[in-house]
Protein backbone atom coordinates (compact mmCIF):
# COMPACT_ATOMS: atom_id res chain seq x y z
CA MET A 1 86.43 76.97 136.20
CA SER A 2 90.00 76.46 137.45
CA LEU A 3 92.55 79.28 137.57
CA LYS A 4 94.86 77.44 135.13
CA PHE A 5 92.04 77.05 132.62
CA LYS A 6 91.16 80.76 132.90
CA ARG A 7 94.78 81.68 132.24
CA LEU A 8 94.94 79.33 129.25
CA LEU A 9 91.70 80.78 127.86
CA PHE A 10 93.07 84.30 128.26
CA VAL A 11 96.28 83.41 126.39
CA ILE A 12 94.25 81.87 123.55
CA LEU A 13 92.06 84.96 123.30
CA ILE A 14 95.10 87.24 123.21
CA PHE A 15 96.85 85.08 120.60
CA PHE A 16 93.93 84.58 118.25
CA GLY A 17 91.97 87.72 119.06
CA GLY A 18 94.69 90.28 119.48
CA PHE A 19 92.62 92.81 117.55
CA LEU A 20 89.57 94.10 119.36
CA PHE A 21 87.03 96.91 119.08
CA GLY A 22 86.89 97.07 115.27
CA GLN A 23 85.48 100.22 113.68
CA GLN A 24 85.17 101.37 110.07
CA TYR A 25 84.29 104.49 108.12
CA ALA A 26 83.54 105.61 104.58
CA GLY A 27 83.69 109.21 103.51
CA ILE A 28 84.54 111.93 101.05
CA THR A 29 86.84 114.96 101.31
CA VAL A 30 86.66 117.91 98.92
CA ASP A 31 89.08 120.82 98.41
CA ASN A 32 87.66 123.70 96.38
CA ASP A 33 87.94 127.46 95.93
CA LEU A 34 84.62 128.02 94.11
CA TYR A 35 83.07 128.92 97.48
CA PHE A 36 84.99 132.20 97.19
CA GLY A 37 83.98 132.89 93.59
CA ILE A 38 87.37 131.93 92.13
CA ASP A 39 88.75 128.99 90.18
CA ARG A 40 92.54 129.05 90.00
CA TYR A 41 95.78 127.42 91.17
CA TYR A 42 95.02 124.36 93.34
CA SER A 43 91.37 124.63 92.38
CA SER A 44 89.92 121.19 93.10
CA GLY A 45 90.59 118.03 95.07
CA ILE A 46 88.18 115.11 95.49
CA PHE A 47 89.07 112.13 97.71
CA LEU A 48 86.96 109.01 98.32
CA GLN A 49 88.05 107.33 101.54
CA TYR A 50 87.59 104.12 103.49
CA GLY A 51 89.31 103.01 106.66
CA LYS A 52 89.17 100.68 109.62
CA LEU A 53 90.54 100.71 113.15
CA LYS A 54 91.37 97.91 115.53
CA PHE A 55 92.76 97.85 119.05
CA SER A 56 95.63 95.41 119.47
CA GLN A 57 95.67 94.31 123.10
CA GLU A 58 99.12 93.43 124.40
CA ASP A 59 98.63 92.37 128.04
CA SER A 60 96.07 91.49 130.70
CA LEU A 61 95.90 95.11 131.90
CA GLY A 62 94.29 96.23 128.68
CA LYS A 63 97.35 98.02 127.36
CA GLY A 64 97.83 98.01 123.62
CA LYS A 65 97.80 100.16 120.54
CA TYR A 66 95.34 101.48 118.00
CA ILE A 67 96.14 100.42 114.44
CA SER A 68 94.25 102.03 111.58
CA LYS A 69 94.43 101.39 107.84
CA HIS A 70 93.16 103.87 105.26
CA TRP A 71 92.52 103.60 101.51
CA GLU A 72 91.90 106.56 99.22
CA LEU A 73 91.03 107.25 95.58
CA GLY A 74 91.85 110.87 94.85
CA GLN A 75 92.09 113.47 92.13
CA GLU A 76 93.68 116.95 92.20
CA ILE A 77 93.37 119.67 89.55
CA ASN A 78 95.59 122.73 88.98
CA THR A 79 94.37 125.73 86.96
CA PRO A 80 96.15 128.97 85.93
CA ASN A 81 94.83 132.41 86.77
CA PHE A 82 93.86 133.13 83.13
CA ARG A 83 91.91 129.94 82.54
CA SER A 84 90.74 130.60 78.97
CA THR A 85 93.89 132.03 77.41
CA THR A 86 96.03 130.18 74.89
CA ASN A 87 98.78 132.81 75.17
CA LEU A 88 101.54 131.01 77.04
CA ALA A 89 103.08 134.34 78.12
CA LYS A 90 100.06 134.86 80.38
CA ILE A 91 100.25 131.44 82.04
CA ASP A 92 101.42 131.80 85.66
CA TYR A 93 100.50 128.28 86.80
CA PRO A 94 100.32 125.04 84.81
CA TYR A 95 97.24 122.96 84.14
CA ASN A 96 97.61 119.53 85.69
CA GLY A 97 95.59 116.55 86.82
CA TRP A 98 96.70 113.97 89.40
CA LEU A 99 94.73 110.73 89.80
CA PHE A 100 95.95 108.26 92.43
CA LEU A 101 95.32 105.37 94.77
CA ALA A 102 96.74 105.65 98.28
CA PHE A 103 97.21 103.44 101.33
CA LYS A 104 98.18 104.62 104.82
CA LYS A 105 98.79 102.76 108.07
CA GLN A 106 98.85 104.58 111.42
CA VAL A 107 99.69 103.43 114.94
CA PHE A 108 98.70 105.24 118.15
CA LYS A 109 99.80 103.87 121.53
CA GLN A 110 98.35 106.97 123.14
CA LEU A 111 95.54 109.19 121.92
CA ASN A 112 97.95 112.14 121.70
CA PHE A 113 100.92 110.40 120.10
CA GLY A 114 101.18 108.33 116.95
CA TYR A 115 103.02 107.69 113.71
CA GLY A 116 102.23 106.43 110.25
CA TRP A 117 103.43 105.67 106.75
CA GLY A 118 101.78 105.52 103.36
CA ILE A 119 102.21 105.08 99.61
CA GLN A 120 100.61 106.61 96.52
CA LEU A 121 100.43 105.24 92.97
CA GLY A 122 98.99 107.37 90.21
CA THR A 123 99.21 109.25 86.97
CA THR A 124 99.37 112.88 85.87
CA GLY A 125 98.20 114.32 82.56
CA ALA A 126 95.09 116.11 81.32
CA ASP A 127 93.50 113.01 79.79
CA ALA A 128 95.04 110.17 81.79
CA SER A 129 93.93 111.71 85.09
CA LYS A 130 90.45 112.53 83.69
CA ALA A 131 90.98 116.07 85.01
CA LYS A 132 90.30 117.92 81.75
CA PHE A 133 87.15 115.92 81.05
CA LEU A 134 85.70 116.31 84.55
CA GLN A 135 86.58 119.99 84.91
CA ASN A 136 85.18 120.98 81.52
CA THR A 137 82.08 118.84 82.01
CA TYR A 138 81.42 120.60 85.33
CA HIS A 139 82.02 124.03 83.78
CA ARG A 140 79.79 123.32 80.80
CA TYR A 141 76.80 121.62 82.42
CA VAL A 142 76.82 122.86 86.04
CA LEU A 143 78.29 126.36 85.85
CA ASN A 144 77.09 127.03 82.28
CA LEU A 145 80.55 128.31 81.29
CA ASP A 146 82.78 127.73 78.30
CA PRO A 147 85.31 124.86 78.52
CA LEU A 148 88.76 125.79 79.81
CA ALA A 149 91.70 125.98 77.40
CA TRP A 150 94.10 123.52 79.03
CA SER A 151 96.83 125.16 76.91
CA TYR A 152 99.82 124.62 79.22
CA VAL A 153 99.70 121.09 80.61
CA ILE A 154 102.29 119.18 82.61
CA PRO A 155 103.05 115.97 80.63
CA GLN A 156 101.54 112.62 81.49
CA ALA A 157 103.64 110.31 83.67
CA TYR A 158 103.17 107.52 86.20
CA HIS A 159 104.29 108.15 89.76
CA PHE A 160 105.13 106.47 93.05
CA ASN A 161 105.31 108.36 96.33
CA PHE A 162 106.04 107.41 99.95
CA ASP A 163 105.30 109.40 103.10
CA THR A 164 105.83 109.06 106.82
CA SER A 165 104.27 111.13 109.60
CA LEU A 166 104.55 111.82 113.33
CA TYR A 167 101.60 113.17 115.33
CA TRP A 168 101.47 114.49 118.88
CA GLY A 169 99.48 116.77 121.12
CA ARG A 170 99.82 118.26 124.58
CA LYS A 171 97.08 119.52 126.86
CA LEU A 172 97.59 123.14 127.91
CA LYS A 173 94.60 124.11 130.02
CA GLY A 174 91.06 122.85 130.20
CA LYS A 175 89.91 121.93 126.69
CA LEU A 176 92.84 123.74 125.03
CA LYS A 177 95.57 121.62 123.44
CA TRP A 178 98.73 122.20 121.39
CA VAL A 179 98.83 119.82 118.40
CA HIS A 180 101.62 119.07 115.93
CA GLU A 181 102.13 116.95 112.80
CA ASN A 182 105.37 116.39 110.88
CA THR A 183 105.28 114.73 107.44
CA LEU A 184 108.06 113.72 105.05
CA ARG A 185 107.11 112.92 101.44
CA ALA A 186 109.45 111.43 98.84
CA GLY A 187 108.84 110.22 95.32
CA THR A 188 108.55 111.10 91.66
CA PHE A 189 105.45 113.24 92.20
CA ARG A 190 106.26 115.24 95.34
CA THR A 191 109.26 115.48 97.66
CA ALA A 192 108.81 117.78 100.64
CA PHE A 193 108.89 118.19 104.40
CA GLN A 194 105.88 119.72 106.13
CA THR A 195 105.31 120.72 109.74
CA ARG A 196 101.76 121.58 110.76
CA PHE A 197 100.91 122.91 114.21
CA GLY A 198 98.38 124.96 116.11
CA PHE A 199 95.78 125.06 118.86
CA GLN A 200 92.87 122.67 119.28
CA TRP A 201 89.95 123.41 121.57
CA GLY A 202 86.95 121.22 122.27
CA SER A 203 85.53 118.07 123.78
CA PHE A 204 87.31 115.61 121.46
CA SER A 205 90.09 113.34 122.68
CA GLY A 206 93.17 112.71 120.57
CA LEU A 207 94.03 114.53 117.35
CA PRO A 208 90.86 114.67 115.20
CA PHE A 209 92.20 117.40 112.88
CA PHE A 210 95.05 115.16 111.69
CA GLY A 211 93.79 112.53 109.26
CA GLN A 212 90.68 110.41 109.80
CA ARG A 213 90.94 109.67 113.51
CA MET A 214 88.76 106.99 115.13
CA GLU A 215 90.74 106.01 118.24
CA GLU A 216 88.26 107.57 120.65
CA VAL A 217 85.37 109.58 119.26
CA ASN A 218 83.22 111.81 121.48
CA HIS A 219 80.03 113.54 120.45
CA GLY A 220 80.48 117.27 120.22
CA ILE A 221 82.38 120.02 118.48
CA ALA A 222 86.01 121.19 118.35
CA PHE A 223 87.96 124.04 116.77
CA PHE A 224 91.45 124.39 115.29
CA THR A 225 93.66 127.29 114.26
CA GLY A 226 97.22 126.94 113.06
CA THR A 227 99.58 126.87 110.12
CA ALA A 228 101.30 124.41 107.79
CA LEU A 229 104.89 125.23 106.76
CA GLU A 230 106.36 123.27 103.87
CA LEU A 231 109.85 122.94 102.42
CA ASN A 232 109.16 121.88 98.84
CA LEU A 233 112.05 120.11 97.10
CA HIS A 234 110.14 118.85 94.06
CA ASP A 235 106.59 119.08 92.75
CA TYR A 236 105.93 117.39 89.40
CA SER A 237 102.49 118.98 89.13
CA LEU A 238 104.11 122.43 88.85
CA SER A 239 107.54 122.01 87.25
CA GLY A 240 107.62 118.58 85.62
CA SER A 241 110.19 115.82 86.01
CA LEU A 242 113.03 116.06 88.51
CA PHE A 243 115.27 113.76 86.45
CA GLN A 244 114.93 115.20 82.96
CA SER A 245 113.43 118.28 81.38
CA ASN A 246 110.06 117.25 79.94
CA THR A 247 108.47 120.70 79.65
CA PRO A 248 109.75 123.69 77.63
CA PHE A 249 108.32 126.24 80.07
CA SER A 250 110.09 128.08 82.87
CA ILE A 251 107.57 127.88 85.71
CA GLU A 252 109.26 126.88 88.96
CA ALA A 253 107.67 125.62 92.15
CA ALA A 254 108.22 127.80 95.22
CA LEU A 255 110.73 126.37 97.69
CA LEU A 256 108.84 127.51 100.80
CA ARG A 257 105.08 127.40 101.28
CA ASN A 258 102.77 128.40 104.08
CA ARG A 259 99.08 127.76 104.69
CA LEU A 260 97.16 129.52 107.45
CA GLN A 261 94.31 127.32 108.68
CA ALA A 262 91.19 127.63 110.81
CA GLY A 263 88.35 125.19 111.13
CA PHE A 264 85.92 123.14 113.16
CA LEU A 265 84.61 119.60 113.35
CA PHE A 266 81.34 118.13 114.54
CA TYR A 267 80.46 114.54 115.40
CA GLN A 268 77.04 113.12 116.10
CA ALA A 269 77.00 109.35 115.68
CA PRO A 270 77.35 108.02 113.10
CA TYR A 271 78.18 111.19 111.12
CA PHE A 272 81.34 113.28 111.20
CA LEU A 273 81.89 116.69 109.54
CA ARG A 274 85.13 118.67 109.43
CA VAL A 275 85.63 122.04 107.68
CA ILE A 276 89.01 123.79 107.40
CA PHE A 277 89.67 127.15 105.74
CA ASN A 278 93.09 127.38 104.04
CA TYR A 279 94.88 130.59 103.01
CA SER A 280 98.01 129.59 101.11
CA SER A 281 101.11 131.45 99.98
CA PRO A 282 102.28 131.17 96.32
CA TYR A 283 103.01 127.67 95.02
CA THR A 284 104.96 128.99 92.01
CA ASN A 285 107.40 131.87 91.60
CA THR A 286 105.30 133.28 88.73
CA GLN A 287 101.95 133.22 90.52
CA LEU A 288 100.14 136.52 89.80
CA VAL A 289 97.74 136.39 92.75
CA LYS A 290 99.97 135.89 95.75
CA TYR A 291 97.53 134.24 98.13
CA HIS A 292 94.92 131.60 97.47
CA PRO A 293 91.95 130.64 99.69
CA TYR A 294 90.14 127.31 99.55
CA LEU A 295 87.97 125.15 101.78
CA ASN A 296 88.65 121.58 102.85
CA ILE A 297 85.39 119.78 103.71
CA SER A 298 85.44 116.22 105.00
CA PHE A 299 82.34 114.12 105.64
CA ARG A 300 82.28 110.52 106.77
CA ARG A 301 80.02 107.89 108.26
CA VAL A 302 81.33 105.63 111.01
CA PHE A 303 79.98 102.09 111.26
């Protein structure tokens, strides 16, 4: 085979096969506070996820970038501290459901540096989001409890949200790494800036505690401890519409939020498990219990 033909073949492969090393996953992530014997505030989140990764080769030296695309069907539920009361004077946190579809695209040229953007389309409302039905069904048939009152509900509305994120990490010593994520969200549902940072230790390359990473997956275990600081400019799920008053109640979302986090992840092909404990500051200015713990558990299968 001549040298010219080899070069031509290489150009054709790069042009038509610029994406290599495809990988996919399907999984579920659950946020819940029932593990701690409570059921209040941000009490439940269920997210069905699918994603795929491809390596886009850019030159003959193998340089390129990892491009991943992620789809998600999610639901979040908010619950006040006094779940069964119909006395609005005792409501410190509104009932709300949020049902949405999301898409996110992320690009990593290096395992420790990347960026991404995403969109969300969805609806709030007790019935439209199916939150009231699912929560009361679970309480009635699984927990053997009375249905919840759903007496103070944020009104139903359709929403569009956009977000953009920057991820990076820096090796400190041995298996210890400093990791950082900045996210800006804007839209009718939530508008906020969040910075999340901390220490990662373990045998994993890249940033496996930020999103559903697949760029380079090693068998083993890793640990994370850190915090997420958030400047909240608007949260429809807590205070209603930003543009017009659509709720007669005076609950206001807290401007500043903080979540202390600690967790671990484990990967043994083809299964991936990540567990993160969250200890959050108040999300509303009227919140009676000032701190709220919940677990984030993510399980996925890579194929």
